[in-house]
Amino acid sequence: MRKHYLKEQHPVLYSELLLSGKLYPHLLEIDEACDGRMELLTCRLAEQEGVTEALKAADQMEWVRRMNSIRNRAEEIVLHELVYC
C-alpha cells in the first residue's frame, strides 16, 4: 500500500527512493512499524472494551464480532498514521 501511495501521490519521492536503492528498506521499515502498531492498538482497544478470554469462552460469536470491529478500527488508524502520511 505504501509503495502504491508513494507512486501515485508522491512520484518524485518514489523515484528518488527507487533510484537511490532506499525504496525497499523504506517499505520494510513501514511494514514492520505497521505490524507493531496494529498489535499494540488491537490489544489496547480490546482491553478498553472488555474483550477478554472470558467473553471468548462465554460467547464466541460476540467475541469475534467485537475483535473484527477492533481490528478494522486499528487498521484504519495505522493506515492514516503510517502508510498515508
PDB file of N, CA and C in Angstrom:
ATOM      1  N   MET A   1       0.827  -1.193   0.000  1.00  0.00           N
ATOM      2  CA  MET A   1       0.000   0.000   0.000  1.00  0.00           C
ATOM      3  C   MET A   1       0.869   1.253   0.000  1.00  0.00           C
ATOM      4  N   ARG A   2       1.920   1.218   0.806  1.00  0.00           N
ATOM      5  CA  ARG A   2       2.806   2.392   0.876  1.00  0.00           C
ATOM      6  C   ARG A   2       3.460   2.655  -0.478  1.00  0.00           C
ATOM      7  N   LYS A   3       3.897   1.585  -1.148  1.00  0.00           N
ATOM      8  CA  LYS A   3       4.536   1.731  -2.459  1.00  0.00           C
ATOM      9  C   LYS A   3       3.565   2.362  -3.453  1.00  0.00           C
ATOM     10  N   HIS A   4       2.357   1.854  -3.482  1.00  0.00           N
ATOM     11  CA  HIS A   4       1.342   2.395  -4.397  1.00  0.00           C
ATOM     12  C   HIS A   4       1.041   3.855  -4.067  1.00  0.00           C
ATOM     13  N   TYR A   5       0.920   4.157  -2.774  1.00  0.00           N
ATOM     14  CA  TYR A   5       0.653   5.531  -2.347  1.00  0.00           C
ATOM     15  C   TYR A   5       1.771   6.465  -2.806  1.00  0.00           C
ATOM     16  N   LEU A   6       3.011   6.071  -2.577  1.00  0.00           N
ATOM     17  CA  LEU A   6       4.142   6.916  -2.991  1.00  0.00           C
ATOM     18  C   LEU A   6       4.163   7.088  -4.506  1.00  0.00           C
ATOM     19  N   LYS A   7       3.943   5.998  -5.204  1.00  0.00           N
ATOM     20  CA  LYS A   7       3.986   6.038  -6.673  1.00  0.00           C
ATOM     21  C   LYS A   7       2.912   6.968  -7.241  1.00  0.00           C
ATOM     22  N   GLU A   8       1.726   6.927  -6.665  1.00  0.00           N
ATOM     23  CA  GLU A   8       0.606   7.722  -7.170  1.00  0.00           C
ATOM     24  C   GLU A   8       0.591   9.156  -6.640  1.00  0.00           C
ATOM     25  N   GLN A   9       0.879   9.343  -5.360  1.00  0.00           N
ATOM     26  CA  GLN A   9       0.724  10.654  -4.738  1.00  0.00           C
ATOM     27  C   GLN A   9       2.017  11.451  -4.628  1.00  0.00           C
ATOM     28  N   HIS A  10       3.147  10.767  -4.580  1.00  0.00           N
ATOM     29  CA  HIS A  10       4.443  11.434  -4.431  1.00  0.00           C
ATOM     30  C   HIS A  10       5.455  10.820  -5.401  1.00  0.00           C
ATOM     31  N   PRO A  11       5.234  10.996  -6.694  1.00  0.00           N
ATOM     32  CA  PRO A  11       6.095  10.331  -7.673  1.00  0.00           C
ATOM     33  C   PRO A  11       7.566  10.747  -7.602  1.00  0.00           C
ATOM     34  N   VAL A  12       7.848  11.987  -7.219  1.00  0.00           N
ATOM     35  CA  VAL A  12       9.236  12.433  -7.116  1.00  0.00           C
ATOM     36  C   VAL A  12       9.944  11.696  -5.982  1.00  0.00           C
ATOM     37  N   LEU A  13       9.314  11.639  -4.828  1.00  0.00           N
ATOM     38  CA  LEU A  13       9.887  10.916  -3.691  1.00  0.00           C
ATOM     39  C   LEU A  13      10.045   9.436  -4.033  1.00  0.00           C
ATOM     40  N   TYR A  14       9.047   8.864  -4.675  1.00  0.00           N
ATOM     41  CA  TYR A  14       9.105   7.457  -5.089  1.00  0.00           C
ATOM     42  C   TYR A  14      10.318   7.222  -5.985  1.00  0.00           C
ATOM     43  N   SER A  15      10.508   8.082  -6.968  1.00  0.00           N
ATOM     44  CA  SER A  15      11.639   7.938  -7.891  1.00  0.00           C
ATOM     45  C   SER A  15      12.970   8.088  -7.170  1.00  0.00           C
ATOM     46  N   GLU A  16      13.048   9.057  -6.270  1.00  0.00           N
ATOM     47  CA  GLU A  16      14.290   9.257  -5.505  1.00  0.00           C
ATOM     48  C   GLU A  16      14.633   8.025  -4.677  1.00  0.00           C
ATOM     49  N   LEU A  17      13.630   7.488  -3.987  1.00  0.00           N
ATOM     50  CA  LEU A  17      13.862   6.298  -3.167  1.00  0.00           C
ATOM     51  C   LEU A  17      14.245   5.097  -4.033  1.00  0.00           C
ATOM     52  N   LEU A  18      13.565   4.948  -5.159  1.00  0.00           N
ATOM     53  CA  LEU A  18      13.833   3.827  -6.049  1.00  0.00           C
ATOM     54  C   LEU A  18      15.242   3.907  -6.628  1.00  0.00           C
ATOM     55  N   LEU A  19      15.616   5.081  -7.126  1.00  0.00           N
ATOM     56  CA  LEU A  19      16.927   5.247  -7.759  1.00  0.00           C
ATOM     57  C   LEU A  19      18.078   5.173  -6.759  1.00  0.00           C
ATOM     58  N   SER A  20      17.824   5.550  -5.523  1.00  0.00           N
ATOM     59  CA  SER A  20      18.886   5.506  -4.513  1.00  0.00           C
ATOM     60  C   SER A  20      18.990   4.133  -3.838  1.00  0.00           C
ATOM     61  N   GLY A  21      18.071   3.231  -4.166  1.00  0.00           N
ATOM     62  CA  GLY A  21      18.088   1.907  -3.556  1.00  0.00           C
ATOM     63  C   GLY A  21      17.508   1.872  -2.157  1.00  0.00           C
ATOM     64  N   LYS A  22      16.817   2.924  -1.776  1.00  0.00           N
ATOM     65  CA  LYS A  22      16.263   3.013  -0.425  1.00  0.00           C
ATOM     66  C   LYS A  22      14.778   2.683  -0.363  1.00  0.00           C
ATOM     67  N   LEU A  23      14.159   2.408  -1.502  1.00  0.00           N
ATOM     68  CA  LEU A  23      12.711   2.167  -1.520  1.00  0.00           C
ATOM     69  C   LEU A  23      12.347   0.923  -0.719  1.00  0.00           C
ATOM     70  N   TYR A  24      12.983  -0.192  -1.007  1.00  0.00           N
ATOM     71  CA  TYR A  24      12.589  -1.439  -0.349  1.00  0.00           C
ATOM     72  C   TYR A  24      12.945  -1.460   1.137  1.00  0.00           C
ATOM     73  N   PRO A  25      14.083  -0.925   1.549  1.00  0.00           N
ATOM     74  CA  PRO A  25      14.296  -0.804   3.001  1.00  0.00           C
ATOM     75  C   PRO A  25      13.241   0.096   3.667  1.00  0.00           C
ATOM     76  N   HIS A  26      12.840   1.159   2.975  1.00  0.00           N
ATOM     77  CA  HIS A  26      11.794   2.048   3.496  1.00  0.00           C
ATOM     78  C   HIS A  26      10.473   1.289   3.635  1.00  0.00           C
ATOM     79  N   LEU A  27      10.113   0.522   2.618  1.00  0.00           N
ATOM     80  CA  LEU A  27       8.863  -0.235   2.651  1.00  0.00           C
ATOM     81  C   LEU A  27       8.893  -1.291   3.756  1.00  0.00           C
ATOM     82  N   LEU A  28      10.028  -1.925   3.953  1.00  0.00           N
ATOM     83  CA  LEU A  28      10.165  -2.916   5.023  1.00  0.00           C
ATOM     84  C   LEU A  28      10.013  -2.257   6.388  1.00  0.00           C
ATOM     85  N   GLU A  29      10.618  -1.093   6.545  1.00  0.00           N
ATOM     86  CA  GLU A  29      10.513  -0.364   7.806  1.00  0.00           C
ATOM     87  C   GLU A  29       9.060   0.015   8.102  1.00  0.00           C
ATOM     88  N   ILE A  30       8.356   0.504   7.096  1.00  0.00           N
ATOM     89  CA  ILE A  30       6.941   0.867   7.264  1.00  0.00           C
ATOM     90  C   ILE A  30       6.114  -0.371   7.593  1.00  0.00           C
ATOM     91  N   ASP A  31       6.376  -1.475   6.920  1.00  0.00           N
ATOM     92  CA  ASP A  31       5.637  -2.711   7.171  1.00  0.00           C
ATOM     93  C   ASP A  31       5.827  -3.187   8.610  1.00  0.00           C
ATOM     94  N   GLU A  32       7.058  -3.172   9.085  1.00  0.00           N
ATOM     95  CA  GLU A  32       7.325  -3.596  10.458  1.00  0.00           C
ATOM     96  C   GLU A  32       6.668  -2.655  11.468  1.00  0.00           C
ATOM     97  N   ALA A  33       6.709  -1.369  11.189  1.00  0.00           N
ATOM     98  CA  ALA A  33       6.066  -0.398  12.079  1.00  0.00           C
ATOM     99  C   ALA A  33       4.553  -0.613  12.112  1.00  0.00           C
ATOM    100  N   CYS A  34       3.976  -0.899  10.958  1.00  0.00           N
ATOM    101  CA  CYS A  34       2.533  -1.150  10.884  1.00  0.00           C
ATOM    102  C   CYS A  34       2.149  -2.391  11.682  1.00  0.00           C
ATOM    103  N   ASP A  35       2.932  -3.453  11.541  1.00  0.00           N
ATOM    104  CA  ASP A  35       2.638  -4.681  12.288  1.00  0.00           C
ATOM    105  C   ASP A  35       2.678  -4.442  13.797  1.00  0.00           C
ATOM    106  N   GLY A  36       3.705  -3.759  14.244  1.00  0.00           N
ATOM    107  CA  GLY A  36       3.822  -3.471  15.672  1.00  0.00           C
ATOM    108  C   GLY A  36       2.701  -2.591  16.181  1.00  0.00           C
ATOM    109  N   ARG A  37       2.370  -1.567  15.420  1.00  0.00           N
ATOM    110  CA  ARG A  37       1.300  -0.643  15.820  1.00  0.00           C
ATOM    111  C   ARG A  37      -0.053  -1.350  15.841  1.00  0.00           C
ATOM    112  N   MET A  38      -0.299  -2.235  14.856  1.00  0.00           N
ATOM    113  CA  MET A  38      -1.554  -2.989  14.816  1.00  0.00           C
ATOM    114  C   MET A  38      -1.698  -3.855  16.062  1.00  0.00           C
ATOM    115  N   GLU A  39      -0.630  -4.548  16.418  1.00  0.00           N
ATOM    116  CA  GLU A  39      -0.672  -5.420  17.594  1.00  0.00           C
ATOM    117  C   GLU A  39      -0.946  -4.615  18.857  1.00  0.00           C
ATOM    118  N   LEU A  40      -0.248  -3.505  19.003  1.00  0.00           N
ATOM    119  CA  LEU A  40      -0.424  -2.661  20.177  1.00  0.00           C
ATOM    120  C   LEU A  40      -1.841  -2.089  20.255  1.00  0.00           C
ATOM    121  N   LEU A  41      -2.319  -1.539  19.150  1.00  0.00           N
ATOM    122  CA  LEU A  41      -3.666  -0.957  19.134  1.00  0.00           C
ATOM    123  C   LEU A  41      -4.741  -2.008  19.397  1.00  0.00           C
ATOM    124  N   THR A  42      -4.596  -3.163  18.790  1.00  0.00           N
ATOM    125  CA  THR A  42      -5.584  -4.223  18.971  1.00  0.00           C
ATOM    126  C   THR A  42      -5.670  -4.629  20.435  1.00  0.00           C
ATOM    127  N   CYS A  43      -4.517  -4.809  21.056  1.00  0.00           N
ATOM    128  CA  CYS A  43      -4.510  -5.184  22.477  1.00  0.00           C
ATOM    129  C   CYS A  43      -5.128  -4.101  23.353  1.00  0.00           C
ATOM    130  N   ARG A  44      -4.742  -2.858  23.104  1.00  0.00           N
ATOM    131  CA  ARG A  44      -5.268  -1.752  23.931  1.00  0.00           C
ATOM    132  C   ARG A  44      -6.768  -1.569  23.754  1.00  0.00           C
ATOM    133  N   LEU A  45      -7.243  -1.624  22.518  1.00  0.00           N
ATOM    134  CA  LEU A  45      -8.676  -1.454  22.270  1.00  0.00           C
ATOM    135  C   LEU A  45      -9.475  -2.601  22.880  1.00  0.00           C
ATOM    136  N   ALA A  46      -8.968  -3.815  22.758  1.00  0.00           N
ATOM    137  CA  ALA A  46      -9.664  -4.968  23.336  1.00  0.00           C
ATOM    138  C   ALA A  46      -9.737  -4.832  24.857  1.00  0.00           C
ATOM    139  N   GLU A  47      -8.653  -4.375  25.452  1.00  0.00           N
ATOM    140  CA  GLU A  47      -8.634  -4.181  26.902  1.00  0.00           C
ATOM    141  C   GLU A  47      -9.622  -3.096  27.328  1.00  0.00           C
ATOM    142  N   GLN A  48      -9.638  -1.987  26.604  1.00  0.00           N
ATOM    143  CA  GLN A  48     -10.541  -0.882  26.929  1.00  0.00           C
ATOM    144  C   GLN A  48     -12.001  -1.282  26.813  1.00  0.00           C
ATOM    145  N   GLU A  49     -12.294  -2.149  25.847  1.00  0.00           N
ATOM    146  CA  GLU A  49     -13.690  -2.527  25.597  1.00  0.00           C
ATOM    147  C   GLU A  49     -14.104  -3.813  26.312  1.00  0.00           C
ATOM    148  N   GLY A  50     -13.206  -4.360  27.099  1.00  0.00           N
ATOM    149  CA  GLY A  50     -13.551  -5.545  27.874  1.00  0.00           C
ATOM    150  C   GLY A  50     -13.686  -6.817  27.062  1.00  0.00           C
ATOM    151  N   VAL A  51     -12.975  -6.893  25.958  1.00  0.00           N
ATOM    152  CA  VAL A  51     -12.999  -8.096  25.137  1.00  0.00           C
ATOM    153  C   VAL A  51     -11.908  -9.023  25.677  1.00  0.00           C
ATOM    154  N   THR A  52     -12.345 -10.026  26.445  1.00  0.00           N
ATOM    155  CA  THR A  52     -11.414 -10.889  27.168  1.00  0.00           C
ATOM    156  C   THR A  52     -11.586 -12.352  26.770  1.00  0.00           C
ATOM    157  N   GLU A  53     -10.716 -13.172  27.309  1.00  0.00           N
ATOM    158  CA  GLU A  53     -10.828 -14.616  27.099  1.00  0.00           C
ATOM    159  C   GLU A  53     -12.108 -15.152  27.744  1.00  0.00           C
ATOM    160  N   ALA A  54     -12.559 -14.503  28.807  1.00  0.00           N
ATOM    161  CA  ALA A  54     -13.811 -14.922  29.447  1.00  0.00           C
ATOM    162  C   ALA A  54     -14.985 -14.718  28.485  1.00  0.00           C
ATOM    163  N   LEU A  55     -14.990 -13.607  27.776  1.00  0.00           N
ATOM    164  CA  LEU A  55     -16.035 -13.363  26.781  1.00  0.00           C
ATOM    165  C   LEU A  55     -15.935 -14.396  25.667  1.00  0.00           C
ATOM    166  N   LYS A  56     -14.713 -14.694  25.255  1.00  0.00           N
ATOM    167  CA  LYS A  56     -14.500 -15.684  24.197  1.00  0.00           C
ATOM    168  C   LYS A  56     -15.073 -17.039  24.613  1.00  0.00           C
ATOM    169  N   ALA A  57     -14.863 -17.424  25.860  1.00  0.00           N
ATOM    170  CA  ALA A  57     -15.380 -18.702  26.355  1.00  0.00           C
ATOM    171  C   ALA A  57     -16.901 -18.682  26.483  1.00  0.00           C
ATOM    172  N   ALA A  58     -17.453 -17.537  26.869  1.00  0.00           N
ATOM    173  CA  ALA A  58     -18.892 -17.436  27.103  1.00  0.00           C
ATOM    174  C   ALA A  58     -19.689 -17.260  25.814  1.00  0.00           C
ATOM    175  N   ASP A  59     -19.185 -16.442  24.896  1.00  0.00           N
ATOM    176  CA  ASP A  59     -19.941 -16.127  23.673  1.00  0.00           C
ATOM    177  C   ASP A  59     -18.952 -15.870  22.528  1.00  0.00           C
ATOM    178  N   GLN A  60     -18.588 -16.944  21.845  1.00  0.00           N
ATOM    179  CA  GLN A  60     -17.571 -16.831  20.804  1.00  0.00           C
ATOM    180  C   GLN A  60     -17.967 -15.894  19.670  1.00  0.00           C
ATOM    181  N   MET A  61     -19.201 -15.932  19.259  1.00  0.00           N
ATOM    182  CA  MET A  61     -19.636 -15.082  18.144  1.00  0.00           C
ATOM    183  C   MET A  61     -19.555 -13.597  18.510  1.00  0.00           C
ATOM    184  N   GLU A  62     -19.917 -13.260  19.714  1.00  0.00           N
ATOM    185  CA  GLU A  62     -19.810 -11.874  20.181  1.00  0.00           C
ATOM    186  C   GLU A  62     -18.349 -11.458  20.237  1.00  0.00           C
ATOM    187  N   TRP A  63     -17.485 -12.344  20.720  1.00  0.00           N
ATOM    188  CA  TRP A  63     -16.048 -12.067  20.782  1.00  0.00           C
ATOM    189  C   TRP A  63     -15.497 -11.816  19.382  1.00  0.00           C
ATOM    190  N   VAL A  64     -15.867 -12.656  18.424  1.00  0.00           N
ATOM    191  CA  VAL A  64     -15.402 -12.498  17.039  1.00  0.00           C
ATOM    192  C   VAL A  64     -15.904 -11.183  16.458  1.00  0.00           C
ATOM    193  N   ARG A  65     -17.160 -10.860  16.699  1.00  0.00           N
ATOM    194  CA  ARG A  65     -17.727  -9.609  16.188  1.00  0.00           C
ATOM    195  C   ARG A  65     -16.963  -8.411  16.728  1.00  0.00           C
ATOM    196  N   ARG A  66     -16.721  -8.410  18.022  1.00  0.00           N
ATOM    197  CA  ARG A  66     -16.010  -7.287  18.641  1.00  0.00           C
ATOM    198  C   ARG A  66     -14.554  -7.205  18.175  1.00  0.00           C
ATOM    199  N   MET A  67     -13.890  -8.351  18.069  1.00  0.00           N
ATOM    200  CA  MET A  67     -12.491  -8.348  17.631  1.00  0.00           C
ATOM    201  C   MET A  67     -12.371  -7.902  16.178  1.00  0.00           C
ATOM    202  N   ASN A  68     -13.309  -8.295  15.333  1.00  0.00           N
ATOM    203  CA  ASN A  68     -13.288  -7.825  13.945  1.00  0.00           C
ATOM    204  C   ASN A  68     -13.454  -6.313  13.890  1.00  0.00           C
ATOM    205  N   SER A  69     -14.345  -5.789  14.709  1.00  0.00           N
ATOM    206  CA  SER A  69     -14.546  -4.344  14.769  1.00  0.00           C
ATOM    207  C   SER A  69     -13.273  -3.643  15.241  1.00  0.00           C
ATOM    208  N   ILE A  70     -12.651  -4.192  16.255  1.00  0.00           N
ATOM    209  CA  ILE A  70     -11.412  -3.611  16.788  1.00  0.00           C
ATOM    210  C   ILE A  70     -10.310  -3.639  15.746  1.00  0.00           C
ATOM    211  N   ARG A  71     -10.142  -4.764  15.071  1.00  0.00           N
ATOM    212  CA  ARG A  71      -9.102  -4.872  14.037  1.00  0.00           C
ATOM    213  C   ARG A  71      -9.344  -3.889  12.898  1.00  0.00           C
ATOM    214  N   ASN A  72     -10.590  -3.740  12.493  1.00  0.00           N
ATOM    215  CA  ASN A  72     -10.900  -2.792  11.421  1.00  0.00           C
ATOM    216  C   ASN A  72     -10.558  -1.358  11.819  1.00  0.00           C
ATOM    217  N   ARG A  73     -10.909  -0.980  13.040  1.00  0.00           N
ATOM    218  CA  ARG A  73     -10.588   0.367  13.510  1.00  0.00           C
ATOM    219  C   ARG A  73      -9.086   0.566  13.642  1.00  0.00           C
ATOM    220  N   ALA A  74      -8.403  -0.441  14.168  1.00  0.00           N
ATOM    221  CA  ALA A  74      -6.945  -0.347  14.315  1.00  0.00           C
ATOM    222  C   ALA A  74      -6.273  -0.229  12.948  1.00  0.00           C
ATOM    223  N   GLU A  75      -6.766  -0.963  11.979  1.00  0.00           N
ATOM    224  CA  GLU A  75      -6.193  -0.897  10.628  1.00  0.00           C
ATOM    225  C   GLU A  75      -6.361   0.494  10.028  1.00  0.00           C
ATOM    226  N   GLU A  76      -7.524   1.088  10.197  1.00  0.00           N
ATOM    227  CA  GLU A  76      -7.748   2.442   9.687  1.00  0.00           C
ATOM    228  C   GLU A  76      -6.794   3.438  10.340  1.00  0.00           C
ATOM    229  N   ILE A  77      -6.603   3.313  11.631  1.00  0.00           N
ATOM    230  CA  ILE A  77      -5.696   4.207  12.351  1.00  0.00           C
ATOM    231  C   ILE A  77      -4.277   4.048  11.825  1.00  0.00           C
ATOM    232  N   VAL A  78      -3.827   2.813  11.686  1.00  0.00           N
ATOM    233  CA  VAL A  78      -2.467   2.544  11.211  1.00  0.00           C
ATOM    234  C   VAL A  78      -2.271   3.055   9.788  1.00  0.00           C
ATOM    235  N   LEU A  79      -3.245   2.849   8.941  1.00  0.00           N
ATOM    236  CA  LEU A  79      -3.130   3.326   7.564  1.00  0.00           C
ATOM    237  C   LEU A  79      -2.949   4.844   7.525  1.00  0.00           C
ATOM    238  N   HIS A  80      -3.722   5.546   8.312  1.00  0.00           N
ATOM    239  CA  HIS A  80      -3.626   7.010   8.314  1.00  0.00           C
ATOM    240  C   HIS A  80      -2.369   7.520   9.003  1.00  0.00           C
ATOM    241  N   GLU A  81      -1.904   6.798  10.022  1.00  0.00           N
ATOM    242  CA  GLU A  81      -0.712   7.232  10.748  1.00  0.00           C
ATOM    243  C   GLU A  81       0.591   6.924  10.011  1.00  0.00           C
ATOM    244  N   LEU A  82       0.670   5.757   9.392  1.00  0.00           N
ATOM    245  CA  LEU A  82       1.944   5.296   8.860  1.00  0.00           C
ATOM    246  C   LEU A  82       2.023   5.161   7.342  1.00  0.00           C
ATOM    247  N   VAL A  83       0.952   4.750   6.721  1.00  0.00           N
ATOM    248  CA  VAL A  83       1.010   4.487   5.274  1.00  0.00           C
ATOM    249  C   VAL A  83       0.716   5.741   4.476  1.00  0.00           C
ATOM    250  N   TYR A  84      -0.332   6.457   4.816  1.00  0.00           N
ATOM    251  CA  TYR A  84      -0.751   7.623   4.038  1.00  0.00           C
ATOM    252  C   TYR A  84      -0.299   8.921   4.685  1.00  0.00           C
ATOM    253  N   CYS A  85       0.954   8.990   5.071  1.00  0.00           N
ATOM    254  CA  CYS A  85       1.448  10.229   5.681  1.00  0.00           C
ATOM    255  C   CYS A  85       2.560  10.827   4.840  1.00  0.00           C
TER     256      CYS A  85
END
